[in-house]
Amino acid sequence: NSRIKPLHVDFDALKLTLAKIVRIAALQRTKIVFFTPPLRGIAEQEFHSDELDHIWESFSHLAAGFSAHYIRIRNSGKYPDSLFADYAHLNACGAKKMTEELADRIVEIGVSP
């Protein structure tokens, strides 16, 4: 079956992990930027947009609850299939492009190293 499996996010586990990261960051006086990379175009089409929007919105609220910054990098046609290793993972060229976009977005929100 070539259909893309539905997304499942274990938010309880994610909260525990983020809480640990926040404690470590506080000791280091470091700011946290939480981000989600783009999905391959077909993945964004196969998943129900309301399901994806709910997941990304939940990530945003979760990050805000821990005083972390959240950046969602959307595909929006900027990441062609040739930049993906599979439906959810960028290849090296895609990762380079996304890293450049992420760096720009971090500067935009005022988080400096």
N, C-alpha and C. Protein backbone atom coordinates (compact mmCIF):
# COMPACT_ATOMS: atom_id res chain seq x y z
N ASN A 1 0.84 -1.17 0.00
CA ASN A 1 0.00 0.00 0.00
C ASN A 1 0.89 1.24 0.00
N SER A 2 0.71 2.11 -0.98
CA SER A 2 1.56 3.28 -1.12
C SER A 2 0.96 4.51 -0.43
N ARG A 3 -0.19 4.35 0.20
CA ARG A 3 -0.80 5.50 0.86
C ARG A 3 0.03 5.89 2.09
N ILE A 4 0.00 7.15 2.36
CA ILE A 4 0.74 7.67 3.50
C ILE A 4 -0.05 7.40 4.77
N LYS A 5 0.64 6.88 5.78
CA LYS A 5 -0.02 6.56 7.04
C LYS A 5 -0.43 7.86 7.75
N PRO A 6 -1.54 7.82 8.49
CA PRO A 6 -1.95 9.00 9.24
C PRO A 6 -0.90 9.38 10.27
N LEU A 7 -0.81 10.65 10.55
CA LEU A 7 0.13 11.13 11.55
C LEU A 7 -0.41 10.83 12.94
N HIS A 8 0.46 10.44 13.81
CA HIS A 8 0.11 10.28 15.22
C HIS A 8 1.21 10.96 16.02
N VAL A 9 0.82 11.86 16.89
CA VAL A 9 1.78 12.57 17.72
C VAL A 9 1.45 12.27 19.17
N ASP A 10 2.42 11.77 19.90
CA ASP A 10 2.26 11.50 21.32
C ASP A 10 2.62 12.78 22.08
N PHE A 11 1.61 13.64 22.30
CA PHE A 11 1.86 14.93 22.92
C PHE A 11 2.31 14.80 24.37
N ASP A 12 1.88 13.75 25.08
CA ASP A 12 2.33 13.55 26.46
C ASP A 12 3.83 13.30 26.51
N ALA A 13 4.31 12.44 25.62
CA ALA A 13 5.76 12.17 25.56
C ALA A 13 6.51 13.43 25.12
N LEU A 14 5.92 14.15 24.18
CA LEU A 14 6.55 15.38 23.70
C LEU A 14 6.66 16.41 24.82
N LYS A 15 5.62 16.53 25.64
CA LYS A 15 5.64 17.46 26.78
C LYS A 15 6.75 17.09 27.76
N LEU A 16 6.89 15.81 28.06
CA LEU A 16 7.94 15.37 28.98
C LEU A 16 9.33 15.69 28.44
N THR A 17 9.51 15.44 27.16
CA THR A 17 10.80 15.72 26.53
C THR A 17 11.08 17.21 26.53
N LEU A 18 10.08 18.00 26.16
CA LEU A 18 10.27 19.44 26.13
C LEU A 18 10.55 20.00 27.52
N ALA A 19 9.91 19.44 28.54
CA ALA A 19 10.16 19.88 29.91
C ALA A 19 11.63 19.64 30.30
N LYS A 20 12.17 18.50 29.89
CA LYS A 20 13.59 18.21 30.17
C LYS A 20 14.50 19.19 29.43
N ILE A 21 14.16 19.47 28.20
CA ILE A 21 14.96 20.41 27.41
C ILE A 21 14.92 21.80 28.03
N VAL A 22 13.75 22.21 28.49
CA VAL A 22 13.60 23.53 29.11
C VAL A 22 14.47 23.64 30.37
N ARG A 23 14.49 22.58 31.17
CA ARG A 23 15.34 22.60 32.38
C ARG A 23 16.82 22.75 32.01
N ILE A 24 17.26 22.01 31.02
CA ILE A 24 18.66 22.10 30.59
C ILE A 24 18.95 23.48 30.02
N ALA A 25 18.04 24.00 29.20
CA ALA A 25 18.23 25.31 28.59
C ALA A 25 18.30 26.41 29.66
N ALA A 26 17.46 26.29 30.70
CA ALA A 26 17.47 27.28 31.78
C ALA A 26 18.82 27.30 32.49
N LEU A 27 19.39 26.12 32.71
CA LEU A 27 20.71 26.06 33.35
C LEU A 27 21.78 26.70 32.48
N GLN A 28 21.62 26.59 31.18
CA GLN A 28 22.60 27.14 30.24
C GLN A 28 22.25 28.56 29.80
N ARG A 29 21.09 29.06 30.27
CA ARG A 29 20.57 30.37 29.86
C ARG A 29 20.47 30.47 28.34
N THR A 30 19.86 29.44 27.78
CA THR A 30 19.70 29.30 26.34
C THR A 30 18.23 29.39 25.96
N LYS A 31 17.96 30.03 24.85
CA LYS A 31 16.58 30.10 24.34
C LYS A 31 16.31 28.86 23.50
N ILE A 32 15.04 28.47 23.45
CA ILE A 32 14.65 27.27 22.72
C ILE A 32 13.85 27.67 21.48
N VAL A 33 14.23 27.10 20.35
CA VAL A 33 13.46 27.25 19.12
C VAL A 33 13.04 25.85 18.70
N PHE A 34 11.75 25.64 18.63
CA PHE A 34 11.15 24.37 18.27
C PHE A 34 10.59 24.56 16.87
N PHE A 35 10.92 23.67 15.93
CA PHE A 35 10.42 23.86 14.57
C PHE A 35 9.98 22.53 13.96
N THR A 36 9.14 22.65 12.96
CA THR A 36 8.74 21.49 12.16
C THR A 36 9.16 21.76 10.73
N PRO A 37 9.82 20.80 10.12
CA PRO A 37 10.28 20.97 8.74
C PRO A 37 9.12 20.77 7.75
N PRO A 38 9.34 21.14 6.51
CA PRO A 38 8.28 20.96 5.51
C PRO A 38 8.07 19.48 5.19
N LEU A 39 6.88 19.17 4.72
CA LEU A 39 6.58 17.83 4.21
C LEU A 39 6.61 17.88 2.69
N ARG A 40 6.85 16.75 2.09
CA ARG A 40 6.79 16.65 0.63
C ARG A 40 5.37 17.04 0.18
N GLY A 41 5.25 17.64 -0.97
CA GLY A 41 3.97 18.12 -1.45
C GLY A 41 2.86 17.08 -1.39
N ILE A 42 3.15 15.86 -1.80
CA ILE A 42 2.14 14.80 -1.79
C ILE A 42 1.66 14.50 -0.38
N ALA A 43 2.55 14.60 0.59
CA ALA A 43 2.17 14.35 1.99
C ALA A 43 1.21 15.43 2.46
N GLU A 44 1.48 16.67 2.10
CA GLU A 44 0.57 17.75 2.49
C GLU A 44 -0.79 17.58 1.83
N GLN A 45 -0.81 16.99 0.65
CA GLN A 45 -2.07 16.76 -0.05
C GLN A 45 -2.81 15.54 0.52
N GLU A 46 -2.07 14.49 0.87
CA GLU A 46 -2.69 13.25 1.36
C GLU A 46 -3.28 13.41 2.76
N PHE A 47 -2.57 14.15 3.62
CA PHE A 47 -3.09 14.37 4.96
C PHE A 47 -4.20 15.40 4.87
N HIS A 48 -5.16 15.27 5.72
CA HIS A 48 -6.22 16.28 5.77
C HIS A 48 -5.61 17.56 6.32
N SER A 49 -5.82 18.67 5.63
CA SER A 49 -5.21 19.92 6.06
C SER A 49 -5.66 20.31 7.46
N ASP A 50 -6.91 19.99 7.83
CA ASP A 50 -7.35 20.34 9.18
C ASP A 50 -6.61 19.52 10.23
N GLU A 51 -6.27 18.26 9.90
CA GLU A 51 -5.50 17.42 10.82
C GLU A 51 -4.09 18.00 11.01
N LEU A 52 -3.45 18.36 9.89
CA LEU A 52 -2.11 18.95 9.97
C LEU A 52 -2.16 20.28 10.72
N ASP A 53 -3.12 21.12 10.39
CA ASP A 53 -3.22 22.42 11.07
C ASP A 53 -3.41 22.24 12.57
N HIS A 54 -4.21 21.25 12.96
CA HIS A 54 -4.42 20.98 14.39
C HIS A 54 -3.11 20.55 15.06
N ILE A 55 -2.36 19.68 14.40
CA ILE A 55 -1.09 19.22 14.96
C ILE A 55 -0.11 20.39 15.09
N TRP A 56 0.01 21.19 14.03
CA TRP A 56 0.97 22.30 14.08
C TRP A 56 0.54 23.35 15.11
N GLU A 57 -0.78 23.58 15.22
CA GLU A 57 -1.27 24.52 16.23
C GLU A 57 -0.99 23.99 17.63
N SER A 58 -1.13 22.69 17.82
CA SER A 58 -0.83 22.08 19.11
C SER A 58 0.65 22.23 19.44
N PHE A 59 1.52 22.06 18.44
CA PHE A 59 2.96 22.28 18.66
C PHE A 59 3.21 23.72 19.10
N SER A 60 2.54 24.65 18.44
CA SER A 60 2.72 26.06 18.76
C SER A 60 2.31 26.36 20.20
N HIS A 61 1.16 25.84 20.63
CA HIS A 61 0.69 26.05 22.01
C HIS A 61 1.62 25.36 23.01
N LEU A 62 2.09 24.19 22.67
CA LEU A 62 3.00 23.47 23.55
C LEU A 62 4.29 24.26 23.74
N ALA A 63 4.85 24.74 22.65
CA ALA A 63 6.09 25.52 22.74
C ALA A 63 5.86 26.78 23.57
N ALA A 64 4.77 27.48 23.32
CA ALA A 64 4.47 28.71 24.07
C ALA A 64 4.33 28.43 25.56
N GLY A 65 3.76 27.29 25.90
CA GLY A 65 3.60 26.91 27.30
C GLY A 65 4.93 26.73 28.02
N PHE A 66 5.97 26.50 27.25
CA PHE A 66 7.31 26.34 27.83
C PHE A 66 8.21 27.54 27.52
N SER A 67 7.60 28.65 27.11
CA SER A 67 8.34 29.87 26.74
C SER A 67 9.37 29.60 25.65
N ALA A 68 9.04 28.70 24.77
CA ALA A 68 9.91 28.39 23.63
C ALA A 68 9.32 29.04 22.38
N HIS A 69 10.13 29.21 21.38
CA HIS A 69 9.66 29.74 20.10
C HIS A 69 9.35 28.56 19.19
N TYR A 70 8.30 28.71 18.39
CA TYR A 70 7.93 27.66 17.43
C TYR A 70 7.92 28.24 16.03
N ILE A 71 8.55 27.52 15.12
CA ILE A 71 8.58 27.91 13.71
C ILE A 71 8.10 26.72 12.89
N ARG A 72 7.08 26.95 12.10
CA ARG A 72 6.60 25.92 11.16
C ARG A 72 7.08 26.31 9.78
N ILE A 73 7.86 25.45 9.18
CA ILE A 73 8.32 25.68 7.82
C ILE A 73 7.42 24.88 6.89
N ARG A 74 6.66 25.59 6.10
CA ARG A 74 5.71 24.95 5.18
C ARG A 74 6.38 24.74 3.83
N ASN A 75 5.87 23.77 3.11
CA ASN A 75 6.38 23.50 1.77
C ASN A 75 5.96 24.61 0.83
N SER A 76 4.67 24.82 0.68
CA SER A 76 4.11 25.88 -0.17
C SER A 76 4.79 25.95 -1.54
N GLY A 77 5.21 24.80 -2.06
CA GLY A 77 5.83 24.76 -3.37
C GLY A 77 7.30 25.16 -3.40
N LYS A 78 7.86 25.54 -2.25
CA LYS A 78 9.26 25.94 -2.20
C LYS A 78 10.22 24.76 -2.15
N TYR A 79 9.69 23.60 -1.82
CA TYR A 79 10.52 22.41 -1.66
C TYR A 79 10.02 21.31 -2.62
N PRO A 80 10.59 21.26 -3.82
CA PRO A 80 10.14 20.23 -4.78
C PRO A 80 10.53 18.83 -4.31
N ASP A 81 9.89 17.83 -4.90
CA ASP A 81 10.13 16.44 -4.52
C ASP A 81 11.60 16.06 -4.56
N SER A 82 12.36 16.69 -5.45
CA SER A 82 13.78 16.37 -5.58
C SER A 82 14.59 16.70 -4.32
N LEU A 83 14.01 17.48 -3.39
CA LEU A 83 14.70 17.84 -2.16
C LEU A 83 14.34 16.92 -0.98
N PHE A 84 13.57 15.86 -1.26
CA PHE A 84 13.13 14.94 -0.21
C PHE A 84 13.70 13.55 -0.41
N ALA A 85 14.05 12.91 0.71
CA ALA A 85 14.47 11.50 0.69
C ALA A 85 13.23 10.60 0.71
N ASP A 86 12.19 11.04 1.41
CA ASP A 86 10.89 10.36 1.44
C ASP A 86 9.84 11.44 1.69
N TYR A 87 8.63 11.05 2.06
CA TYR A 87 7.57 12.05 2.16
C TYR A 87 7.76 13.05 3.31
N ALA A 88 8.56 12.71 4.30
CA ALA A 88 8.69 13.58 5.47
C ALA A 88 10.12 14.00 5.78
N HIS A 89 11.10 13.50 5.03
CA HIS A 89 12.49 13.79 5.36
C HIS A 89 13.20 14.40 4.16
N LEU A 90 13.82 15.54 4.41
CA LEU A 90 14.59 16.22 3.37
C LEU A 90 15.90 15.49 3.13
N ASN A 91 16.40 15.56 1.91
CA ASN A 91 17.74 15.04 1.63
C ASN A 91 18.74 16.16 1.96
N ALA A 92 20.01 15.96 1.69
CA ALA A 92 21.05 16.93 2.06
C ALA A 92 20.80 18.30 1.43
N CYS A 93 20.43 18.33 0.17
CA CYS A 93 20.16 19.61 -0.50
C CYS A 93 18.93 20.29 0.12
N GLY A 94 17.91 19.50 0.40
CA GLY A 94 16.71 20.04 1.03
C GLY A 94 16.99 20.55 2.44
N ALA A 95 17.82 19.81 3.17
CA ALA A 95 18.17 20.22 4.53
C ALA A 95 18.94 21.54 4.52
N LYS A 96 19.81 21.70 3.55
CA LYS A 96 20.57 22.95 3.43
C LYS A 96 19.63 24.12 3.17
N LYS A 97 18.71 23.93 2.25
CA LYS A 97 17.73 24.99 1.93
C LYS A 97 16.87 25.31 3.15
N MET A 98 16.40 24.27 3.85
CA MET A 98 15.56 24.49 5.02
C MET A 98 16.34 25.18 6.13
N THR A 99 17.60 24.81 6.31
CA THR A 99 18.43 25.43 7.35
C THR A 99 18.60 26.91 7.09
N GLU A 100 18.77 27.27 5.83
CA GLU A 100 18.89 28.69 5.48
C GLU A 100 17.59 29.44 5.80
N GLU A 101 16.45 28.82 5.47
CA GLU A 101 15.17 29.45 5.79
C GLU A 101 14.98 29.53 7.30
N LEU A 102 15.33 28.47 8.01
CA LEU A 102 15.20 28.46 9.47
C LEU A 102 16.06 29.56 10.10
N ALA A 103 17.29 29.71 9.63
CA ALA A 103 18.17 30.75 10.16
C ALA A 103 17.56 32.13 9.96
N ASP A 104 17.00 32.36 8.78
CA ASP A 104 16.35 33.65 8.50
C ASP A 104 15.17 33.87 9.43
N ARG A 105 14.39 32.83 9.65
CA ARG A 105 13.20 32.95 10.52
C ARG A 105 13.61 33.19 11.98
N ILE A 106 14.70 32.57 12.40
CA ILE A 106 15.18 32.79 13.78
C ILE A 106 15.60 34.25 13.96
N VAL A 107 16.26 34.79 12.96
CA VAL A 107 16.64 36.21 13.02
C VAL A 107 15.39 37.09 13.06
N GLU A 108 14.37 36.74 12.26
CA GLU A 108 13.12 37.51 12.23
C GLU A 108 12.43 37.58 13.58
N ILE A 109 12.46 36.47 14.33
CA ILE A 109 11.78 36.49 15.63
C ILE A 109 12.66 37.02 16.75
N GLY A 110 13.89 37.36 16.41
CA GLY A 110 14.76 38.02 17.37
C GLY A 110 15.48 37.10 18.34
N VAL A 111 15.64 35.85 17.97
CA VAL A 111 16.40 34.93 18.82
C VAL A 111 17.82 34.88 18.27
N SER A 112 18.76 35.36 19.07
CA SER A 112 20.14 35.33 18.61
C SER A 112 20.91 34.27 19.38
N PRO A 113 21.98 33.77 18.77
CA PRO A 113 22.77 32.72 19.44
C PRO A 113 23.42 33.20 20.72
